[in-house]
Amino acid sequence: MVSRRKSDLLSNLPDCLLVTIISLLPFKQSVQTSILARRWKNLCLETTNLVFKESEFVNLSTDTETIKSKRSLFVSTICQWISSFTGEVIETIVSLTEFAASKQIKNITIDFSSPASRKIDVIEHLVTLMHYQNTEFDITRIFFNLIHVRNLTICSFLIQMIQECEDPMEMHDAMEARHLVMRTNLHANEFVGITIFLNSCPELESLTFHMDTTERIVRISMPLDPKVFWLTNDTYECLERTLKLVKIKNFRGGSNELHVLKYLIRRGLVMEQLDLYEAKGLNDDQRRLVLTAAEEVQKNVGRGSKHLRITLHKA
């Protein structure tokens, strides 16, 4: 009786509310709702939230070949599911982003199970998935399909590989990102990629560097002097007009962190807040380095904005 009452209550809800409920479910469960009743058959296809979780397909405790096979199945399932109601064949990850753009999906999460990649946003997962497809494409096409995304998180891999594109400083249309998070080591191999994103996001309002020592350096570039690079680098539209907030999480006070910070402080004409979040687990010597670095940027760097406040947040 209780189950029937609950069923009746759900049946009385309008489709728009049912779609909202379905959008909160994991991928597998959202698809399973299609068998509840005739009315539910196609409701899952109207979801505004796509969450593809690798953990539902892959057991990381198995052998390497099995993991590789299951990951290929994971990609295939995503593409087949989308194709089942678009009427189009989704053959590449670029096609997946084109689907997202056409449906104006509010949130896409493709969640890989390893701790290093968990909770990283859509772009990193899309690029990771490329390893399980035998196709070549211009990586900038991903951004062409996601130019309307307002909140964007990118990984070190993408920051590095975007430099391989032909004429990368001319990335299709300008992106509309307002809030950009970079998971990075601020390694010299990432510097050019960082500037590409600054150039491509003219409306950027906040920029976060999430210092992540687990990120790998996968691209070997010509040696460059970090100090000279940032002293001589051009400015960008977002630095002159819109960028007001910069954060560095897991701040350790390293030399490359300081070079990037000094550049942003000098060039950021409308910056209002620079937040430095001290890394956890530092010893006394490392904490002293953090304090020295924070004092350096607070006292010895000319500021482009007279309204800028610099704050060090202790771990």
C-alpha atoms as a PDB file:
ATOM      1  CA  MET A   1       0.000   0.000   0.000  1.00  0.00           C
ATOM      2  CA  VAL A   2       2.811   2.401   0.916  1.00  0.00           C
ATOM      3  CA  SER A   3       4.620   1.725  -2.344  1.00  0.00           C
ATOM      4  CA  ARG A   4       1.435   2.330  -4.333  1.00  0.00           C
ATOM      5  CA  ARG A   5       0.839   5.630  -2.537  1.00  0.00           C
ATOM      6  CA  LYS A   6       4.385   6.734  -3.281  1.00  0.00           C
ATOM      7  CA  SER A   7       3.913   5.727  -6.900  1.00  0.00           C
ATOM      8  CA  ASP A   8       0.676   7.700  -7.087  1.00  0.00           C
ATOM      9  CA  LEU A   9       2.378  10.759  -5.594  1.00  0.00           C
ATOM     10  CA  LEU A  10       5.112  10.611  -8.220  1.00  0.00           C
ATOM     11  CA  SER A  11       2.600  10.096 -10.990  1.00  0.00           C
ATOM     12  CA  ASN A  12       0.828  13.298  -9.985  1.00  0.00           C
ATOM     13  CA  LEU A  13       3.985  15.356 -10.472  1.00  0.00           C
ATOM     14  CA  PRO A  14       4.454  17.247 -13.754  1.00  0.00           C
ATOM     15  CA  ASP A  15       7.114  16.013 -16.154  1.00  0.00           C
ATOM     16  CA  CYS A  16       9.389  18.976 -15.440  1.00  0.00           C
ATOM     17  CA  LEU A  17       9.674  17.965 -11.770  1.00  0.00           C
ATOM     18  CA  LEU A  18      10.200  14.312 -12.628  1.00  0.00           C
ATOM     19  CA  VAL A  19      13.035  15.297 -14.965  1.00  0.00           C
ATOM     20  CA  THR A  20      14.581  17.335 -12.136  1.00  0.00           C
ATOM     21  CA  ILE A  21      14.443  14.296  -9.856  1.00  0.00           C
ATOM     22  CA  ILE A  22      15.904  12.002 -12.511  1.00  0.00           C
ATOM     23  CA  SER A  23      18.698  14.497 -13.153  1.00  0.00           C
ATOM     24  CA  LEU A  24      19.881  13.996  -9.573  1.00  0.00           C
ATOM     25  CA  LEU A  25      20.266  10.225  -9.997  1.00  0.00           C
ATOM     26  CA  PRO A  26      23.418   8.359 -11.036  1.00  0.00           C
ATOM     27  CA  PHE A  27      23.598   7.404 -14.708  1.00  0.00           C
ATOM     28  CA  LYS A  28      22.569   3.769 -14.274  1.00  0.00           C
ATOM     29  CA  GLN A  29      19.635   4.584 -12.003  1.00  0.00           C
ATOM     30  CA  SER A  30      18.376   7.362 -14.241  1.00  0.00           C
ATOM     31  CA  VAL A  31      18.201   4.941 -17.171  1.00  0.00           C
ATOM     32  CA  GLN A  32      16.418   2.343 -15.018  1.00  0.00           C
ATOM     33  CA  THR A  33      13.534   4.766 -14.442  1.00  0.00           C
ATOM     34  CA  SER A  34      12.500   4.247 -18.061  1.00  0.00           C
ATOM     35  CA  ILE A  35      10.956   0.863 -17.181  1.00  0.00           C
ATOM     36  CA  LEU A  36       8.739   2.151 -14.355  1.00  0.00           C
ATOM     37  CA  ALA A  37       5.828   3.014 -16.625  1.00  0.00           C
ATOM     38  CA  ARG A  38       5.069   4.117 -20.172  1.00  0.00           C
ATOM     39  CA  ARG A  39       5.097   7.767 -19.120  1.00  0.00           C
ATOM     40  CA  TRP A  40       8.653   7.390 -17.748  1.00  0.00           C
ATOM     41  CA  LYS A  41      10.083   5.779 -20.866  1.00  0.00           C
ATOM     42  CA  ASN A  42      11.737   8.871 -22.320  1.00  0.00           C
ATOM     43  CA  LEU A  43      11.977  11.164 -19.309  1.00  0.00           C
ATOM     44  CA  CYS A  44      15.585  10.166 -18.590  1.00  0.00           C
ATOM     45  CA  LEU A  45      16.523  11.502 -22.016  1.00  0.00           C
ATOM     46  CA  GLU A  46      15.609  15.000 -20.863  1.00  0.00           C
ATOM     47  CA  THR A  47      18.126  15.023 -18.018  1.00  0.00           C
ATOM     48  CA  THR A  48      20.083  18.231 -17.491  1.00  0.00           C
ATOM     49  CA  ASN A  49      22.871  16.514 -15.588  1.00  0.00           C
ATOM     50  CA  LEU A  50      25.084  13.808 -17.065  1.00  0.00           C
ATOM     51  CA  VAL A  51      27.175  11.887 -14.551  1.00  0.00           C
ATOM     52  CA  PHE A  52      29.223   9.067 -16.050  1.00  0.00           C
ATOM     53  CA  LYS A  53      31.070   7.246 -13.251  1.00  0.00           C
ATOM     54  CA  GLU A  54      33.871   4.911 -14.181  1.00  0.00           C
ATOM     55  CA  SER A  55      33.493   3.162 -10.840  1.00  0.00           C
ATOM     56  CA  GLU A  56      30.236   1.635 -12.105  1.00  0.00           C
ATOM     57  CA  PHE A  57      32.191  -0.146 -14.835  1.00  0.00           C
ATOM     58  CA  VAL A  58      35.774  -0.593 -13.675  1.00  0.00           C
ATOM     59  CA  ASN A  59      37.215  -2.450 -10.707  1.00  0.00           C
ATOM     60  CA  LEU A  60      40.696  -1.002 -10.176  1.00  0.00           C
ATOM     61  CA  SER A  61      41.786  -4.018  -8.139  1.00  0.00           C
ATOM     62  CA  THR A  62      41.793  -6.215 -11.261  1.00  0.00           C
ATOM     63  CA  ASP A  63      44.649  -6.677 -13.733  1.00  0.00           C
ATOM     64  CA  THR A  64      45.764  -4.020 -16.213  1.00  0.00           C
ATOM     65  CA  GLU A  65      44.233  -5.640 -19.302  1.00  0.00           C
ATOM     66  CA  THR A  66      40.838  -6.013 -17.640  1.00  0.00           C
ATOM     67  CA  ILE A  67      40.899  -2.383 -16.514  1.00  0.00           C
ATOM     68  CA  LYS A  68      41.768  -1.273 -20.058  1.00  0.00           C
ATOM     69  CA  SER A  69      38.939  -3.375 -21.495  1.00  0.00           C
ATOM     70  CA  LYS A  70      36.386  -2.054 -18.985  1.00  0.00           C
ATOM     71  CA  ARG A  71      37.450   1.525 -19.619  1.00  0.00           C
ATOM     72  CA  SER A  72      36.857   1.020 -23.325  1.00  0.00           C
ATOM     73  CA  LEU A  73      33.401  -0.335 -22.451  1.00  0.00           C
ATOM     74  CA  PHE A  74      32.832   2.749 -20.296  1.00  0.00           C
ATOM     75  CA  VAL A  75      33.513   5.054 -23.263  1.00  0.00           C
ATOM     76  CA  SER A  76      31.418   2.900 -25.590  1.00  0.00           C
ATOM     77  CA  THR A  77      28.453   2.936 -23.195  1.00  0.00           C
ATOM     78  CA  ILE A  78      28.506   6.722 -22.956  1.00  0.00           C
ATOM     79  CA  CYS A  79      28.515   7.097 -26.731  1.00  0.00           C
ATOM     80  CA  GLN A  80      25.829   4.453 -27.328  1.00  0.00           C
ATOM     81  CA  TRP A  81      23.528   5.959 -24.708  1.00  0.00           C
ATOM     82  CA  ILE A  82      23.697   9.393 -26.305  1.00  0.00           C
ATOM     83  CA  SER A  83      23.300   7.957 -29.796  1.00  0.00           C
ATOM     84  CA  SER A  84      20.163   6.074 -28.720  1.00  0.00           C
ATOM     85  CA  PHE A  85      18.109   9.244 -28.549  1.00  0.00           C
ATOM     86  CA  THR A  86      19.961  11.788 -30.678  1.00  0.00           C
ATOM     87  CA  GLY A  87      19.743   9.567 -33.719  1.00  0.00           C
ATOM     88  CA  GLU A  88      23.377  10.407 -34.398  1.00  0.00           C
ATOM     89  CA  VAL A  89      26.452   8.256 -33.983  1.00  0.00           C
ATOM     90  CA  ILE A  90      28.724   9.552 -31.221  1.00  0.00           C
ATOM     91  CA  GLU A  91      32.127   8.373 -32.383  1.00  0.00           C
ATOM     92  CA  THR A  92      34.539  10.718 -30.649  1.00  0.00           C
ATOM     93  CA  ILE A  93      34.904  12.715 -27.468  1.00  0.00           C
ATOM     94  CA  VAL A  94      34.561  15.843 -29.569  1.00  0.00           C
ATOM     95  CA  SER A  95      31.131  14.545 -30.594  1.00  0.00           C
ATOM     96  CA  LEU A  96      30.284  14.241 -26.903  1.00  0.00           C
ATOM     97  CA  THR A  97      31.079  17.906 -26.317  1.00  0.00           C
ATOM     98  CA  GLU A  98      29.059  18.845 -29.400  1.00  0.00           C
ATOM     99  CA  PHE A  99      26.140  16.941 -27.900  1.00  0.00           C
ATOM    100  CA  ALA A 100      26.577  18.792 -24.602  1.00  0.00           C
ATOM    101  CA  ALA A 101      26.589  22.137 -26.369  1.00  0.00           C
ATOM    102  CA  SER A 102      23.521  21.338 -28.467  1.00  0.00           C
ATOM    103  CA  LYS A 103      21.520  20.169 -25.425  1.00  0.00           C
ATOM    104  CA  GLN A 104      22.772  23.055 -23.254  1.00  0.00           C
ATOM    105  CA  ILE A 105      23.664  20.573 -20.525  1.00  0.00           C
ATOM    106  CA  LYS A 106      24.251  22.450 -17.269  1.00  0.00           C
ATOM    107  CA  ASN A 107      26.742  20.023 -15.792  1.00  0.00           C
ATOM    108  CA  ILE A 108      28.784  17.151 -17.147  1.00  0.00           C
ATOM    109  CA  THR A 109      30.833  14.945 -14.862  1.00  0.00           C
ATOM    110  CA  ILE A 110      32.819  11.963 -16.070  1.00  0.00           C
ATOM    111  CA  ASP A 111      34.193  10.645 -12.803  1.00  0.00           C
ATOM    112  CA  PHE A 112      37.284   8.434 -12.905  1.00  0.00           C
ATOM    113  CA  SER A 113      37.832   6.258  -9.872  1.00  0.00           C
ATOM    114  CA  SER A 114      41.499   6.871  -9.118  1.00  0.00           C
ATOM    115  CA  PRO A 115      42.112   9.313  -6.237  1.00  0.00           C
ATOM    116  CA  ALA A 116      44.283  11.515  -8.467  1.00  0.00           C
ATOM    117  CA  SER A 117      41.432  12.229 -10.872  1.00  0.00           C
ATOM    118  CA  ARG A 118      38.343  12.144  -8.641  1.00  0.00           C
ATOM    119  CA  LYS A 119      36.213  15.311  -8.594  1.00  0.00           C
ATOM    120  CA  ILE A 120      38.093  16.948 -11.441  1.00  0.00           C
ATOM    121  CA  ASP A 121      35.840  18.825 -13.824  1.00  0.00           C
ATOM    122  CA  VAL A 122      34.657  17.938 -17.300  1.00  0.00           C
ATOM    123  CA  ILE A 123      37.638  19.013 -19.409  1.00  0.00           C
ATOM    124  CA  GLU A 124      40.172  16.812 -17.709  1.00  0.00           C
ATOM    125  CA  HIS A 125      37.919  13.766 -18.011  1.00  0.00           C
ATOM    126  CA  LEU A 126      37.249  14.372 -21.674  1.00  0.00           C
ATOM    127  CA  VAL A 127      40.963  14.523 -22.367  1.00  0.00           C
ATOM    128  CA  THR A 128      41.616  11.411 -20.274  1.00  0.00           C
ATOM    129  CA  LEU A 129      39.010   9.570 -22.313  1.00  0.00           C
ATOM    130  CA  MET A 130      40.951  10.357 -25.491  1.00  0.00           C
ATOM    131  CA  HIS A 131      43.474   7.702 -24.470  1.00  0.00           C
ATOM    132  CA  TYR A 132      40.766   5.081 -25.078  1.00  0.00           C
ATOM    133  CA  GLN A 133      39.916   6.216 -28.595  1.00  0.00           C
ATOM    134  CA  ASN A 134      41.908   5.678 -31.770  1.00  0.00           C
ATOM    135  CA  THR A 135      41.194   8.973 -33.429  1.00  0.00           C
ATOM    136  CA  GLU A 136      43.082  12.174 -34.102  1.00  0.00           C
ATOM    137  CA  PHE A 137      41.560  15.605 -33.701  1.00  0.00           C
ATOM    138  CA  ASP A 138      42.402  19.205 -32.998  1.00  0.00           C
ATOM    139  CA  ILE A 139      42.194  19.554 -29.218  1.00  0.00           C
ATOM    140  CA  THR A 140      40.930  23.125 -29.544  1.00  0.00           C
ATOM    141  CA  ARG A 141      37.634  21.747 -30.922  1.00  0.00           C
ATOM    142  CA  ILE A 142      36.750  20.730 -27.373  1.00  0.00           C
ATOM    143  CA  PHE A 143      36.844  24.362 -26.373  1.00  0.00           C
ATOM    144  CA  PHE A 144      34.943  25.443 -29.443  1.00  0.00           C
ATOM    145  CA  ASN A 145      32.078  23.259 -28.208  1.00  0.00           C
ATOM    146  CA  LEU A 146      32.315  24.520 -24.632  1.00  0.00           C
ATOM    147  CA  ILE A 147      32.826  28.227 -25.200  1.00  0.00           C
ATOM    148  CA  HIS A 148      29.670  29.025 -23.210  1.00  0.00           C
ATOM    149  CA  VAL A 149      30.834  27.246 -20.037  1.00  0.00           C
ATOM    150  CA  ARG A 150      31.088  29.781 -17.216  1.00  0.00           C
ATOM    151  CA  ASN A 151      32.922  27.619 -14.635  1.00  0.00           C
ATOM    152  CA  LEU A 152      35.854  25.688 -16.037  1.00  0.00           C
ATOM    153  CA  THR A 153      38.444  23.408 -14.442  1.00  0.00           C
ATOM    154  CA  ILE A 154      41.437  22.211 -16.449  1.00  0.00           C
ATOM    155  CA  CYS A 155      44.293  19.875 -15.645  1.00  0.00           C
ATOM    156  CA  SER A 156      48.031  20.085 -16.145  1.00  0.00           C
ATOM    157  CA  PHE A 157      47.837  17.628 -19.056  1.00  0.00           C
ATOM    158  CA  LEU A 158      45.593  19.928 -21.034  1.00  0.00           C
ATOM    159  CA  ILE A 159      47.581  23.035 -20.112  1.00  0.00           C
ATOM    160  CA  GLN A 160      50.622  21.341 -21.578  1.00  0.00           C
ATOM    161  CA  MET A 161      49.047  19.722 -24.647  1.00  0.00           C
ATOM    162  CA  ILE A 162      47.160  22.828 -25.828  1.00  0.00           C
ATOM    163  CA  GLN A 163      50.569  24.153 -26.843  1.00  0.00           C
ATOM    164  CA  GLU A 164      50.824  21.412 -29.492  1.00  0.00           C
ATOM    165  CA  CYS A 165      47.963  22.901 -31.520  1.00  0.00           C
ATOM    166  CA  GLU A 166      48.690  24.772 -34.696  1.00  0.00           C
ATOM    167  CA  ASP A 167      48.571  28.507 -33.945  1.00  0.00           C
ATOM    168  CA  PRO A 168      47.214  27.930 -30.410  1.00  0.00           C
ATOM    169  CA  MET A 169      46.897  31.641 -29.641  1.00  0.00           C
ATOM    170  CA  GLU A 170      44.024  31.813 -32.160  1.00  0.00           C
ATOM    171  CA  MET A 171      41.654  29.405 -30.381  1.00  0.00           C
ATOM    172  CA  HIS A 172      38.410  29.662 -32.339  1.00  0.00           C
ATOM    173  CA  ASP A 173      35.967  32.010 -30.587  1.00  0.00           C
ATOM    174  CA  ALA A 174      36.654  33.660 -27.241  1.00  0.00           C
ATOM    175  CA  MET A 175      35.556  31.547 -24.287  1.00  0.00           C
ATOM    176  CA  GLU A 176      32.910  32.881 -21.900  1.00  0.00           C
ATOM    177  CA  ALA A 177      34.478  31.402 -18.774  1.00  0.00           C
ATOM    178  CA  ARG A 178      34.105  33.635 -15.733  1.00  0.00           C
ATOM    179  CA  HIS A 179      35.764  31.316 -13.228  1.00  0.00           C
ATOM    180  CA  LEU A 180      38.807  29.240 -14.165  1.00  0.00           C
ATOM    181  CA  VAL A 181      40.571  26.641 -12.022  1.00  0.00           C
ATOM    182  CA  MET A 182      43.935  25.279 -13.123  1.00  0.00           C
ATOM    183  CA  ARG A 183      45.227  22.112 -11.494  1.00  0.00           C
ATOM    184  CA  THR A 184      48.911  22.693 -12.014  1.00  0.00           C
ATOM    185  CA  ASN A 185      52.448  22.533 -10.712  1.00  0.00           C
ATOM    186  CA  LEU A 186      53.270  25.909 -12.286  1.00  0.00           C
ATOM    187  CA  HIS A 187      56.078  24.073 -14.050  1.00  0.00           C
ATOM    188  CA  ALA A 188      57.874  25.902 -16.864  1.00  0.00           C
ATOM    189  CA  ASN A 189      56.334  23.416 -19.324  1.00  0.00           C
ATOM    190  CA  GLU A 190      52.913  24.809 -18.397  1.00  0.00           C
ATOM    191  CA  PHE A 191      53.669  28.528 -18.738  1.00  0.00           C
ATOM    192  CA  VAL A 192      52.739  28.928 -22.404  1.00  0.00           C
ATOM    193  CA  GLY A 193      49.526  26.943 -21.870  1.00  0.00           C
ATOM    194  CA  ILE A 194      48.573  29.191 -18.957  1.00  0.00           C
ATOM    195  CA  THR A 195      48.965  32.281 -21.127  1.00  0.00           C
ATOM    196  CA  ILE A 196      46.852  30.670 -23.867  1.00  0.00           C
ATOM    197  CA  PHE A 197      43.955  30.309 -21.444  1.00  0.00           C
ATOM    198  CA  LEU A 198      44.381  33.843 -20.117  1.00  0.00           C
ATOM    199  CA  ASN A 199      44.243  35.080 -23.696  1.00  0.00           C
ATOM    200  CA  SER A 200      41.192  32.939 -24.496  1.00  0.00           C
ATOM    201  CA  CYS A 201      39.047  34.059 -21.528  1.00  0.00           C
ATOM    202  CA  PRO A 202      38.586  37.838 -21.915  1.00  0.00           C
ATOM    203  CA  GLU A 203      35.702  37.925 -19.387  1.00  0.00           C
ATOM    204  CA  LEU A 204      37.504  36.008 -16.636  1.00  0.00           C
ATOM    205  CA  GLU A 205      36.583  37.191 -13.130  1.00  0.00           C
ATOM    206  CA  SER A 206      38.360  34.682 -10.891  1.00  0.00           C
ATOM    207  CA  LEU A 207      41.435  32.529 -11.399  1.00  0.00           C
ATOM    208  CA  THR A 208      42.494  29.695  -9.097  1.00  0.00           C
ATOM    209  CA  PHE A 209      45.758  27.789  -9.222  1.00  0.00           C
ATOM    210  CA  HIS A 210      45.301  24.495  -7.412  1.00  0.00           C
ATOM    211  CA  MET A 211      48.861  23.359  -6.821  1.00  0.00           C
ATOM    212  CA  ASP A 212      48.823  19.603  -7.330  1.00  0.00           C
ATOM    213  CA  THR A 213      52.104  17.742  -6.957  1.00  0.00           C
ATOM    214  CA  THR A 214      50.512  14.565  -8.354  1.00  0.00           C
ATOM    215  CA  GLU A 215      50.119  16.099 -11.817  1.00  0.00           C
ATOM    216  CA  ARG A 216      52.556  14.697 -14.376  1.00  0.00           C
ATOM    217  CA  ILE A 217      54.776  16.603 -16.771  1.00  0.00           C
ATOM    218  CA  VAL A 218      54.012  14.937 -20.115  1.00  0.00           C
ATOM    219  CA  ARG A 219      55.346  17.503 -22.556  1.00  0.00           C
ATOM    220  CA  ILE A 220      59.026  18.338 -22.963  1.00  0.00           C
ATOM    221  CA  SER A 221      59.476  21.901 -24.174  1.00  0.00           C
ATOM    222  CA  MET A 222      62.436  24.095 -24.967  1.00  0.00           C
ATOM    223  CA  PRO A 223      64.157  25.395 -21.801  1.00  0.00           C
ATOM    224  CA  LEU A 224      63.035  28.845 -20.715  1.00  0.00           C
ATOM    225  CA  ASP A 225      63.905  31.200 -17.901  1.00  0.00           C
ATOM    226  CA  PRO A 226      60.765  31.541 -15.708  1.00  0.00           C
ATOM    227  CA  LYS A 227      61.751  34.985 -14.447  1.00  0.00           C
ATOM    228  CA  VAL A 228      62.391  36.367 -17.947  1.00  0.00           C
ATOM    229  CA  PHE A 229      59.253  34.705 -19.325  1.00  0.00           C
ATOM    230  CA  TRP A 230      56.912  36.415 -16.868  1.00  0.00           C
ATOM    231  CA  LEU A 231      58.772  39.736 -16.869  1.00  0.00           C
ATOM    232  CA  THR A 232      58.473  40.031 -20.646  1.00  0.00           C
ATOM    233  CA  ASN A 233      55.071  38.415 -21.177  1.00  0.00           C
ATOM    234  CA  ASP A 234      52.239  40.430 -22.716  1.00  0.00           C
ATOM    235  CA  THR A 235      49.137  41.457 -20.852  1.00  0.00           C
ATOM    236  CA  TYR A 236      45.633  40.165 -21.663  1.00  0.00           C
ATOM    237  CA  GLU A 237      42.171  41.649 -21.814  1.00  0.00           C
ATOM    238  CA  CYS A 238      40.950  39.890 -18.671  1.00  0.00           C
ATOM    239  CA  LEU A 239      43.861  41.316 -16.667  1.00  0.00           C
ATOM    240  CA  GLU A 240      42.997  44.831 -17.761  1.00  0.00           C
ATOM    241  CA  ARG A 241      39.191  44.682 -17.422  1.00  0.00           C
ATOM    242  CA  THR A 242      37.640  41.814 -15.466  1.00  0.00           C
ATOM    243  CA  LEU A 243      39.957  39.667 -13.326  1.00  0.00           C
ATOM    244  CA  LYS A 244      39.317  40.618  -9.691  1.00  0.00           C
ATOM    245  CA  LEU A 245      40.120  37.507  -7.674  1.00  0.00           C
ATOM    246  CA  VAL A 246      43.167  35.222  -7.770  1.00  0.00           C
ATOM    247  CA  LYS A 247      43.729  32.248  -5.464  1.00  0.00           C
ATOM    248  CA  ILE A 248      46.618  29.875  -4.998  1.00  0.00           C
ATOM    249  CA  LYS A 249      45.699  26.736  -3.088  1.00  0.00           C
ATOM    250  CA  ASN A 250      48.433  24.594  -1.503  1.00  0.00           C
ATOM    251  CA  PHE A 251      50.791  27.571  -1.641  1.00  0.00           C
ATOM    252  CA  ARG A 252      54.404  26.675  -0.839  1.00  0.00           C
ATOM    253  CA  GLY A 253      56.209  29.865  -1.806  1.00  0.00           C
ATOM    254  CA  GLY A 254      58.248  28.305  -4.610  1.00  0.00           C
ATOM    255  CA  SER A 255      60.097  30.440  -7.152  1.00  0.00           C
ATOM    256  CA  ASN A 256      57.712  29.669 -10.015  1.00  0.00           C
ATOM    257  CA  GLU A 257      54.723  30.528  -7.839  1.00  0.00           C
ATOM    258  CA  LEU A 258      56.338  33.897  -7.110  1.00  0.00           C
ATOM    259  CA  HIS A 259      57.099  34.634 -10.768  1.00  0.00           C
ATOM    260  CA  VAL A 260      53.468  34.017 -11.751  1.00  0.00           C
ATOM    261  CA  LEU A 261      52.113  35.985  -8.787  1.00  0.00           C
ATOM    262  CA  LYS A 262      54.352  38.972  -9.454  1.00  0.00           C
ATOM    263  CA  TYR A 263      53.213  39.016 -13.082  1.00  0.00           C
ATOM    264  CA  LEU A 264      49.534  38.982 -12.095  1.00  0.00           C
ATOM    265  CA  ILE A 265      50.033  41.655  -9.421  1.00  0.00           C
ATOM    266  CA  ARG A 266      51.807  43.954 -11.886  1.00  0.00           C
ATOM    267  CA  ARG A 267      49.416  43.363 -14.791  1.00  0.00           C
ATOM    268  CA  GLY A 268      46.115  43.001 -12.935  1.00  0.00           C
ATOM    269  CA  LEU A 269      44.659  46.479 -13.277  1.00  0.00           C
ATOM    270  CA  VAL A 270      41.338  45.678 -11.576  1.00  0.00           C
ATOM    271  CA  MET A 271      42.406  42.964  -9.122  1.00  0.00           C
ATOM    272  CA  GLU A 272      40.813  43.286  -5.701  1.00  0.00           C
ATOM    273  CA  GLN A 273      41.868  40.137  -3.851  1.00  0.00           C
ATOM    274  CA  LEU A 274      44.816  37.738  -3.902  1.00  0.00           C
ATOM    275  CA  ASP A 275      44.344  34.790  -1.531  1.00  0.00           C
ATOM    276  CA  LEU A 276      47.281  32.517  -0.716  1.00  0.00           C
ATOM    277  CA  TYR A 277      46.250  29.266   0.996  1.00  0.00           C
ATOM    278  CA  GLU A 278      49.189  27.663   2.762  1.00  0.00           C
ATOM    279  CA  ALA A 279      49.712  23.986   1.980  1.00  0.00           C
ATOM    280  CA  LYS A 280      48.987  21.542   4.784  1.00  0.00           C
ATOM    281  CA  GLY A 281      51.588  19.356   6.446  1.00  0.00           C
ATOM    282  CA  LEU A 282      54.567  21.701   6.058  1.00  0.00           C
ATOM    283  CA  ASN A 283      57.509  21.595   8.447  1.00  0.00           C
ATOM    284  CA  ASP A 284      58.918  24.689  10.157  1.00  0.00           C
ATOM    285  CA  ASP A 285      61.407  25.482   7.386  1.00  0.00           C
ATOM    286  CA  GLN A 286      58.712  25.154   4.714  1.00  0.00           C
ATOM    287  CA  ARG A 287      56.335  27.407   6.643  1.00  0.00           C
ATOM    288  CA  ARG A 288      59.064  30.040   6.945  1.00  0.00           C
ATOM    289  CA  LEU A 289      59.489  29.895   3.173  1.00  0.00           C
ATOM    290  CA  VAL A 290      55.747  30.491   2.752  1.00  0.00           C
ATOM    291  CA  LEU A 291      55.848  33.490   5.090  1.00  0.00           C
ATOM    292  CA  THR A 292      58.880  34.953   3.307  1.00  0.00           C
ATOM    293  CA  ALA A 293      57.229  34.532  -0.099  1.00  0.00           C
ATOM    294  CA  ALA A 294      53.976  36.123   1.103  1.00  0.00           C
ATOM    295  CA  GLU A 295      55.897  39.078   2.519  1.00  0.00           C
ATOM    296  CA  GLU A 296      57.772  39.437  -0.779  1.00  0.00           C
ATOM    297  CA  VAL A 297      54.617  39.815  -2.869  1.00  0.00           C
ATOM    298  CA  GLN A 298      52.972  42.057  -0.270  1.00  0.00           C
ATOM    299  CA  LYS A 299      55.801  44.568   0.085  1.00  0.00           C
ATOM    300  CA  ASN A 300      58.146  44.400  -2.898  1.00  0.00           C
ATOM    301  CA  VAL A 301      55.963  44.168  -6.003  1.00  0.00           C
ATOM    302  CA  GLY A 302      54.449  47.154  -7.778  1.00  0.00           C
ATOM    303  CA  ARG A 303      50.674  46.764  -7.970  1.00  0.00           C
ATOM    304  CA  GLY A 304      48.619  47.429 -11.075  1.00  0.00           C
ATOM    305  CA  SER A 305      45.530  47.950  -8.912  1.00  0.00           C
ATOM    306  CA  LYS A 306      45.415  50.259  -5.914  1.00  0.00           C
ATOM    307  CA  HIS A 307      42.475  48.250  -4.534  1.00  0.00           C
ATOM    308  CA  LEU A 308      44.366  44.950  -4.299  1.00  0.00           C
ATOM    309  CA  ARG A 309      44.423  43.144  -0.944  1.00  0.00           C
ATOM    310  CA  ILE A 310      46.797  40.232  -0.403  1.00  0.00           C
ATOM    311  CA  THR A 311      45.955  37.670   2.303  1.00  0.00           C
ATOM    312  CA  LEU A 312      47.846  34.619   3.501  1.00  0.00           C
ATOM    313  CA  HIS A 313      45.554  31.938   4.924  1.00  0.00           C
ATOM    314  CA  LYS A 314      47.302  29.591   7.352  1.00  0.00           C
ATOM    315  CA  ALA A 315      46.709  25.861   6.969  1.00  0.00           C
END
